Amino acid sequence: MTPPRQSEIGETPETEPPAAVLSCLVVLRQRADYLRAAQGRKAGTGGFLLQARARDDADPSARVGFTASKKIGNAVFRNRAKRRLRALAREVLAPQARAGWDYVLVAKPNATVSRPYGMLQADLRSAIALVHKDRA
């Protein structure tokens, strides 16, 4: 079966594509990237752990990954923790992320899900500053 021609369908209005989950950040997909990020700089906060490393490649994008192990709880709590971390990355990390860096947000048991969202935002701001602080 061949697809219908554009003239048969009619003109579709030009609309913006839906916003991506993380519009300016690329999501990490491979385990090796998570392992390399774990070897980089770390900043622990009350709500999560931030791992970050500078990549030495030509890709200028900032990449982010999310981890919520079974220590967090059942699937409902793990998914809730990851949703909160994705929202944090979208609101706080995206504007402050450096090009050519990988970031991994690791959920903490009993903290990521129950901590007030405003405190999580403050935690991420301070963690980013700590990770990017020049080490002499």
N, C-alpha and C. Protein backbone atom coordinates (compact mmCIF):
# COMPACT_ATOMS: atom_id res chain seq x y z
N MET A 1 0.85 -1.17 0.00
CA MET A 1 0.00 0.00 0.00
C MET A 1 0.89 1.23 0.00
N THR A 2 0.60 2.14 -0.88
CA THR A 2 1.39 3.36 -0.95
C THR A 2 0.74 4.43 -0.10
N PRO A 3 1.54 5.29 0.49
CA PRO A 3 0.97 6.35 1.31
C PRO A 3 0.25 7.37 0.43
N PRO A 4 -0.76 8.03 0.97
CA PRO A 4 -1.48 9.03 0.18
C PRO A 4 -0.59 10.22 -0.14
N ARG A 5 -0.86 10.85 -1.25
CA ARG A 5 -0.09 12.04 -1.64
C ARG A 5 -0.53 13.23 -0.80
N GLN A 6 0.32 14.23 -0.74
CA GLN A 6 0.02 15.42 0.05
C GLN A 6 -1.25 16.10 -0.43
N SER A 7 -1.50 16.10 -1.72
CA SER A 7 -2.68 16.77 -2.25
C SER A 7 -3.94 16.04 -1.83
N GLU A 8 -3.87 14.72 -1.63
CA GLU A 8 -5.03 13.96 -1.20
C GLU A 8 -5.33 14.19 0.27
N ILE A 9 -4.31 14.44 1.04
CA ILE A 9 -4.50 14.63 2.47
C ILE A 9 -4.98 16.04 2.76
N GLY A 10 -4.53 16.98 2.01
CA GLY A 10 -4.82 18.38 2.30
C GLY A 10 -3.61 18.99 2.96
N GLU A 11 -3.60 20.26 3.03
CA GLU A 11 -2.48 20.96 3.64
C GLU A 11 -2.58 20.89 5.15
N THR A 12 -1.50 20.50 5.76
CA THR A 12 -1.45 20.48 7.21
C THR A 12 -0.86 21.80 7.69
N PRO A 13 -1.40 22.36 8.74
CA PRO A 13 -0.86 23.62 9.22
C PRO A 13 0.55 23.43 9.77
N GLU A 14 1.38 24.41 9.54
CA GLU A 14 2.75 24.38 10.05
C GLU A 14 2.70 24.67 11.54
N THR A 15 3.00 23.69 12.32
CA THR A 15 3.02 23.86 13.77
C THR A 15 4.40 23.49 14.28
N GLU A 16 4.70 23.99 15.44
CA GLU A 16 5.97 23.65 16.06
C GLU A 16 5.91 22.22 16.55
N PRO A 17 7.00 21.49 16.42
CA PRO A 17 7.00 20.14 16.98
C PRO A 17 6.93 20.23 18.50
N PRO A 18 6.43 19.20 19.15
CA PRO A 18 6.34 19.26 20.61
C PRO A 18 7.72 19.40 21.23
N ALA A 19 7.76 20.12 22.32
CA ALA A 19 9.04 20.34 23.00
C ALA A 19 9.58 19.01 23.51
N ALA A 20 10.86 18.81 23.34
CA ALA A 20 11.50 17.60 23.82
C ALA A 20 11.57 17.63 25.33
N VAL A 21 11.78 16.48 25.89
CA VAL A 21 11.89 16.40 27.35
C VAL A 21 12.99 17.32 27.84
N LEU A 22 14.11 17.27 27.19
CA LEU A 22 15.22 18.15 27.54
C LEU A 22 15.69 18.80 26.25
N SER A 23 15.20 19.99 26.00
CA SER A 23 15.38 20.62 24.70
C SER A 23 16.83 20.86 24.33
N CYS A 24 17.67 21.28 25.24
CA CYS A 24 19.05 21.59 24.86
C CYS A 24 20.05 20.58 25.40
N LEU A 25 19.57 19.56 26.11
CA LEU A 25 20.44 18.54 26.65
C LEU A 25 20.17 17.22 25.94
N VAL A 26 21.21 16.46 25.73
CA VAL A 26 21.09 15.13 25.13
C VAL A 26 21.11 14.12 26.28
N VAL A 27 20.24 13.13 26.22
CA VAL A 27 20.15 12.14 27.29
C VAL A 27 21.15 11.02 27.04
N LEU A 28 21.89 10.65 28.09
CA LEU A 28 22.84 9.55 28.00
C LEU A 28 22.07 8.24 27.83
N ARG A 29 22.56 7.37 26.96
CA ARG A 29 21.89 6.10 26.70
C ARG A 29 22.78 4.89 26.96
N GLN A 30 24.08 5.04 26.93
CA GLN A 30 24.96 3.89 27.03
C GLN A 30 25.61 3.80 28.41
N ARG A 31 25.73 2.57 28.88
CA ARG A 31 26.27 2.31 30.20
C ARG A 31 27.68 2.87 30.35
N ALA A 32 28.47 2.78 29.31
CA ALA A 32 29.85 3.27 29.36
C ALA A 32 29.90 4.76 29.68
N ASP A 33 28.95 5.52 29.19
CA ASP A 33 28.91 6.96 29.49
C ASP A 33 28.63 7.20 30.97
N TYR A 34 27.73 6.39 31.55
CA TYR A 34 27.44 6.50 32.98
C TYR A 34 28.67 6.14 33.81
N LEU A 35 29.39 5.10 33.40
CA LEU A 35 30.58 4.68 34.13
C LEU A 35 31.68 5.74 34.06
N ARG A 36 31.83 6.36 32.91
CA ARG A 36 32.84 7.43 32.78
C ARG A 36 32.45 8.64 33.63
N ALA A 37 31.16 8.95 33.69
CA ALA A 37 30.72 10.08 34.52
C ALA A 37 30.96 9.79 36.00
N ALA A 38 30.82 8.52 36.39
CA ALA A 38 31.06 8.15 37.79
C ALA A 38 32.52 8.33 38.18
N GLN A 39 33.41 8.32 37.21
CA GLN A 39 34.83 8.53 37.48
C GLN A 39 35.19 10.02 37.60
N GLY A 40 34.27 10.90 37.23
CA GLY A 40 34.54 12.33 37.22
C GLY A 40 34.28 12.98 38.57
N ARG A 41 33.94 14.24 38.52
CA ARG A 41 33.68 15.01 39.73
C ARG A 41 32.31 14.67 40.30
N LYS A 42 32.20 14.77 41.63
CA LYS A 42 30.95 14.44 42.31
C LYS A 42 30.59 15.55 43.28
N ALA A 43 29.29 15.76 43.43
CA ALA A 43 28.79 16.71 44.42
C ALA A 43 27.54 16.10 45.05
N GLY A 44 27.64 15.74 46.30
CA GLY A 44 26.51 15.17 47.02
C GLY A 44 25.68 16.26 47.66
N THR A 45 24.37 16.11 47.58
CA THR A 45 23.45 17.07 48.20
C THR A 45 22.46 16.29 49.05
N GLY A 46 21.56 16.99 49.67
CA GLY A 46 20.55 16.33 50.49
C GLY A 46 19.56 15.51 49.69
N GLY A 47 19.35 15.86 48.43
CA GLY A 47 18.33 15.18 47.64
C GLY A 47 18.83 14.23 46.59
N PHE A 48 20.09 14.36 46.16
CA PHE A 48 20.62 13.51 45.10
C PHE A 48 22.14 13.68 45.05
N LEU A 49 22.76 12.90 44.17
CA LEU A 49 24.18 13.01 43.91
C LEU A 49 24.35 13.46 42.46
N LEU A 50 25.20 14.44 42.23
CA LEU A 50 25.50 14.89 40.88
C LEU A 50 26.90 14.41 40.52
N GLN A 51 26.99 13.69 39.40
CA GLN A 51 28.28 13.27 38.86
C GLN A 51 28.48 14.02 37.56
N ALA A 52 29.68 14.51 37.32
CA ALA A 52 29.94 15.28 36.10
C ALA A 52 31.37 15.05 35.63
N ARG A 53 31.53 15.12 34.33
CA ARG A 53 32.88 15.02 33.76
C ARG A 53 32.91 15.78 32.45
N ALA A 54 34.08 16.33 32.16
CA ALA A 54 34.29 17.01 30.89
C ALA A 54 34.71 15.97 29.86
N ARG A 55 34.02 15.96 28.74
CA ARG A 55 34.37 15.05 27.65
C ARG A 55 35.45 15.71 26.81
N ASP A 56 36.29 14.91 26.24
CA ASP A 56 37.32 15.43 25.35
C ASP A 56 37.01 15.01 23.93
N ASP A 57 35.87 15.48 23.44
CA ASP A 57 35.49 15.16 22.06
C ASP A 57 35.00 16.43 21.38
N ALA A 58 34.67 16.32 20.14
CA ALA A 58 34.27 17.49 19.35
C ALA A 58 32.80 17.83 19.52
N ASP A 59 32.04 16.99 20.22
CA ASP A 59 30.61 17.23 20.38
C ASP A 59 30.38 18.35 21.39
N PRO A 60 29.77 19.47 20.99
CA PRO A 60 29.61 20.60 21.90
C PRO A 60 28.40 20.48 22.83
N SER A 61 27.58 19.46 22.68
CA SER A 61 26.36 19.38 23.48
C SER A 61 26.66 18.94 24.91
N ALA A 62 25.79 19.35 25.81
CA ALA A 62 25.84 18.86 27.19
C ALA A 62 24.90 17.66 27.26
N ARG A 63 25.33 16.62 27.95
CA ARG A 63 24.52 15.41 28.05
C ARG A 63 24.19 15.14 29.51
N VAL A 64 23.03 14.53 29.73
CA VAL A 64 22.57 14.27 31.08
C VAL A 64 21.99 12.86 31.16
N GLY A 65 22.17 12.23 32.33
CA GLY A 65 21.62 10.91 32.58
C GLY A 65 20.98 10.89 33.96
N PHE A 66 20.12 9.90 34.17
CA PHE A 66 19.37 9.80 35.43
C PHE A 66 19.46 8.37 35.93
N THR A 67 19.66 8.20 37.24
CA THR A 67 19.75 6.88 37.83
C THR A 67 18.91 6.85 39.09
N ALA A 68 18.08 5.80 39.19
CA ALA A 68 17.31 5.54 40.40
C ALA A 68 17.31 4.03 40.60
N SER A 69 18.11 3.56 41.55
CA SER A 69 18.25 2.13 41.77
C SER A 69 17.07 1.60 42.60
N LYS A 70 17.07 0.30 42.83
CA LYS A 70 16.00 -0.31 43.62
C LYS A 70 16.06 0.10 45.09
N LYS A 71 17.15 0.73 45.50
CA LYS A 71 17.23 1.25 46.87
C LYS A 71 16.20 2.35 47.09
N ILE A 72 15.78 3.00 46.02
CA ILE A 72 14.80 4.09 46.11
C ILE A 72 13.44 3.54 46.54
N GLY A 73 13.12 2.35 46.08
CA GLY A 73 11.83 1.75 46.40
C GLY A 73 11.28 1.00 45.20
N ASN A 74 9.98 0.83 45.20
CA ASN A 74 9.36 0.10 44.09
C ASN A 74 9.33 0.96 42.83
N ALA A 75 8.76 0.43 41.76
CA ALA A 75 8.78 1.12 40.46
C ALA A 75 8.10 2.48 40.53
N VAL A 76 7.06 2.59 41.34
CA VAL A 76 6.36 3.87 41.45
C VAL A 76 7.30 4.95 41.99
N PHE A 77 8.03 4.63 43.05
CA PHE A 77 8.94 5.60 43.64
C PHE A 77 10.14 5.89 42.73
N ARG A 78 10.66 4.84 42.06
CA ARG A 78 11.77 5.07 41.14
C ARG A 78 11.36 5.98 39.98
N ASN A 79 10.19 5.74 39.42
CA ASN A 79 9.71 6.60 38.33
C ASN A 79 9.45 8.02 38.80
N ARG A 80 8.89 8.16 40.00
CA ARG A 80 8.65 9.50 40.54
C ARG A 80 9.97 10.23 40.75
N ALA A 81 10.97 9.53 41.26
CA ALA A 81 12.28 10.15 41.47
C ALA A 81 12.87 10.60 40.14
N LYS A 82 12.80 9.75 39.11
CA LYS A 82 13.35 10.12 37.81
C LYS A 82 12.59 11.27 37.17
N ARG A 83 11.27 11.31 37.35
CA ARG A 83 10.49 12.45 36.82
C ARG A 83 10.93 13.75 37.48
N ARG A 84 11.15 13.71 38.79
CA ARG A 84 11.58 14.92 39.49
C ARG A 84 12.97 15.35 39.03
N LEU A 85 13.86 14.37 38.83
CA LEU A 85 15.21 14.69 38.37
C LEU A 85 15.19 15.26 36.95
N ARG A 86 14.33 14.72 36.08
CA ARG A 86 14.22 15.26 34.72
C ARG A 86 13.70 16.69 34.75
N ALA A 87 12.73 16.96 35.62
CA ALA A 87 12.21 18.33 35.74
C ALA A 87 13.31 19.27 36.24
N LEU A 88 14.10 18.82 37.19
CA LEU A 88 15.22 19.64 37.67
C LEU A 88 16.21 19.93 36.55
N ALA A 89 16.53 18.90 35.78
CA ALA A 89 17.49 19.09 34.69
C ALA A 89 16.96 20.08 33.68
N ARG A 90 15.68 20.01 33.39
CA ARG A 90 15.07 20.91 32.41
C ARG A 90 15.10 22.35 32.90
N GLU A 91 14.79 22.56 34.18
CA GLU A 91 14.66 23.93 34.71
C GLU A 91 15.99 24.53 35.16
N VAL A 92 16.83 23.74 35.80
CA VAL A 92 18.03 24.29 36.43
C VAL A 92 19.30 23.94 35.66
N LEU A 93 19.44 22.67 35.29
CA LEU A 93 20.68 22.24 34.66
C LEU A 93 20.83 22.75 33.24
N ALA A 94 19.75 22.75 32.47
CA ALA A 94 19.84 23.17 31.06
C ALA A 94 20.44 24.56 30.89
N PRO A 95 20.01 25.56 31.64
CA PRO A 95 20.61 26.89 31.44
C PRO A 95 22.06 26.98 31.95
N GLN A 96 22.44 26.14 32.91
CA GLN A 96 23.75 26.27 33.53
C GLN A 96 24.75 25.23 33.05
N ALA A 97 24.32 24.27 32.25
CA ALA A 97 25.21 23.20 31.80
C ALA A 97 26.28 23.75 30.87
N ARG A 98 27.45 23.19 30.98
CA ARG A 98 28.55 23.59 30.11
C ARG A 98 28.62 22.66 28.90
N ALA A 99 28.96 23.22 27.78
CA ALA A 99 29.08 22.43 26.56
C ALA A 99 30.24 21.45 26.71
N GLY A 100 30.02 20.24 26.22
CA GLY A 100 31.06 19.23 26.29
C GLY A 100 31.16 18.50 27.62
N TRP A 101 30.14 18.60 28.45
CA TRP A 101 30.12 17.94 29.75
C TRP A 101 29.02 16.90 29.80
N ASP A 102 29.25 15.85 30.59
CA ASP A 102 28.25 14.84 30.91
C ASP A 102 27.85 15.02 32.37
N TYR A 103 26.56 14.95 32.63
CA TYR A 103 26.03 15.05 33.99
C TYR A 103 25.15 13.84 34.26
N VAL A 104 25.26 13.27 35.45
CA VAL A 104 24.38 12.18 35.87
C VAL A 104 23.80 12.56 37.22
N LEU A 105 22.48 12.53 37.31
CA LEU A 105 21.78 12.79 38.56
C LEU A 105 21.37 11.44 39.14
N VAL A 106 21.85 11.14 40.35
CA VAL A 106 21.58 9.87 41.01
C VAL A 106 20.63 10.13 42.17
N ALA A 107 19.49 9.46 42.15
CA ALA A 107 18.48 9.63 43.20
C ALA A 107 18.96 9.01 44.51
N LYS A 108 18.55 9.60 45.63
CA LYS A 108 18.88 9.09 46.96
C LYS A 108 17.61 8.52 47.60
N PRO A 109 17.75 7.42 48.33
CA PRO A 109 16.58 6.84 49.00
C PRO A 109 15.98 7.81 50.01
N ASN A 110 14.67 7.86 50.05
CA ASN A 110 13.90 8.68 51.00
C ASN A 110 14.17 10.17 50.89
N ALA A 111 14.90 10.62 49.91
CA ALA A 111 15.21 12.04 49.82
C ALA A 111 14.70 12.65 48.53
N THR A 112 14.99 12.03 47.40
CA THR A 112 14.63 12.62 46.11
C THR A 112 13.12 12.75 45.97
N VAL A 113 12.38 11.77 46.46
CA VAL A 113 10.92 11.78 46.32
C VAL A 113 10.26 12.66 47.37
N SER A 114 10.81 12.68 48.58
CA SER A 114 10.12 13.37 49.68
C SER A 114 10.61 14.80 49.92
N ARG A 115 11.76 15.15 49.40
CA ARG A 115 12.32 16.50 49.63
C ARG A 115 11.50 17.54 48.87
N PRO A 116 11.23 18.70 49.45
CA PRO A 116 10.50 19.75 48.72
C PRO A 116 11.24 20.16 47.45
N TYR A 117 10.47 20.42 46.40
CA TYR A 117 11.05 20.68 45.09
C TYR A 117 11.94 21.93 45.10
N GLY A 118 11.58 22.94 45.83
CA GLY A 118 12.40 24.15 45.92
C GLY A 118 13.77 23.86 46.50
N MET A 119 13.83 22.95 47.46
CA MET A 119 15.12 22.57 48.04
C MET A 119 15.95 21.76 47.03
N LEU A 120 15.29 20.93 46.23
CA LEU A 120 16.00 20.19 45.20
C LEU A 120 16.62 21.14 44.17
N GLN A 121 15.89 22.20 43.83
CA GLN A 121 16.42 23.19 42.89
C GLN A 121 17.66 23.87 43.48
N ALA A 122 17.58 24.25 44.73
CA ALA A 122 18.72 24.89 45.40
C ALA A 122 19.89 23.91 45.49
N ASP A 123 19.59 22.64 45.76
CA ASP A 123 20.64 21.61 45.81
C ASP A 123 21.37 21.51 44.47
N LEU A 124 20.61 21.50 43.38
CA LEU A 124 21.24 21.36 42.07
C LEU A 124 22.08 22.58 41.71
N ARG A 125 21.60 23.76 42.04
CA ARG A 125 22.40 24.97 41.78
C ARG A 125 23.73 24.92 42.52
N SER A 126 23.69 24.52 43.78
CA SER A 126 24.94 24.46 44.56
C SER A 126 25.83 23.33 44.07
N ALA A 127 25.25 22.22 43.66
CA ALA A 127 26.05 21.09 43.16
C ALA A 127 26.74 21.46 41.85
N ILE A 128 26.06 22.17 40.97
CA ILE A 128 26.67 22.59 39.70
C ILE A 128 27.84 23.53 39.98
N ALA A 129 27.64 24.46 40.90
CA ALA A 129 28.72 25.38 41.25
C ALA A 129 29.91 24.62 41.84
N LEU A 130 29.65 23.61 42.65
CA LEU A 130 30.72 22.84 43.26
C LEU A 130 31.47 22.00 42.23
N VAL A 131 30.75 21.42 41.30
CA VAL A 131 31.37 20.58 40.27
C VAL A 131 32.23 21.42 39.33
N HIS A 132 31.79 22.62 39.01
CA HIS A 132 32.53 23.48 38.08
C HIS A 132 33.54 24.38 38.76
N LYS A 133 33.65 24.27 40.05
CA LYS A 133 34.65 25.06 40.78
C LYS A 133 36.03 24.57 40.36
N ASP A 134 36.88 25.50 40.00
CA ASP A 134 38.23 25.14 39.54
C ASP A 134 39.00 24.49 40.68
N ARG A 135 39.60 23.39 40.34
CA ARG A 135 40.41 22.64 41.33
C ARG A 135 41.87 23.01 41.12
N ALA A 136 42.46 23.57 42.14
CA ALA A 136 43.86 23.99 42.01
C ALA A 136 44.79 23.03 42.67
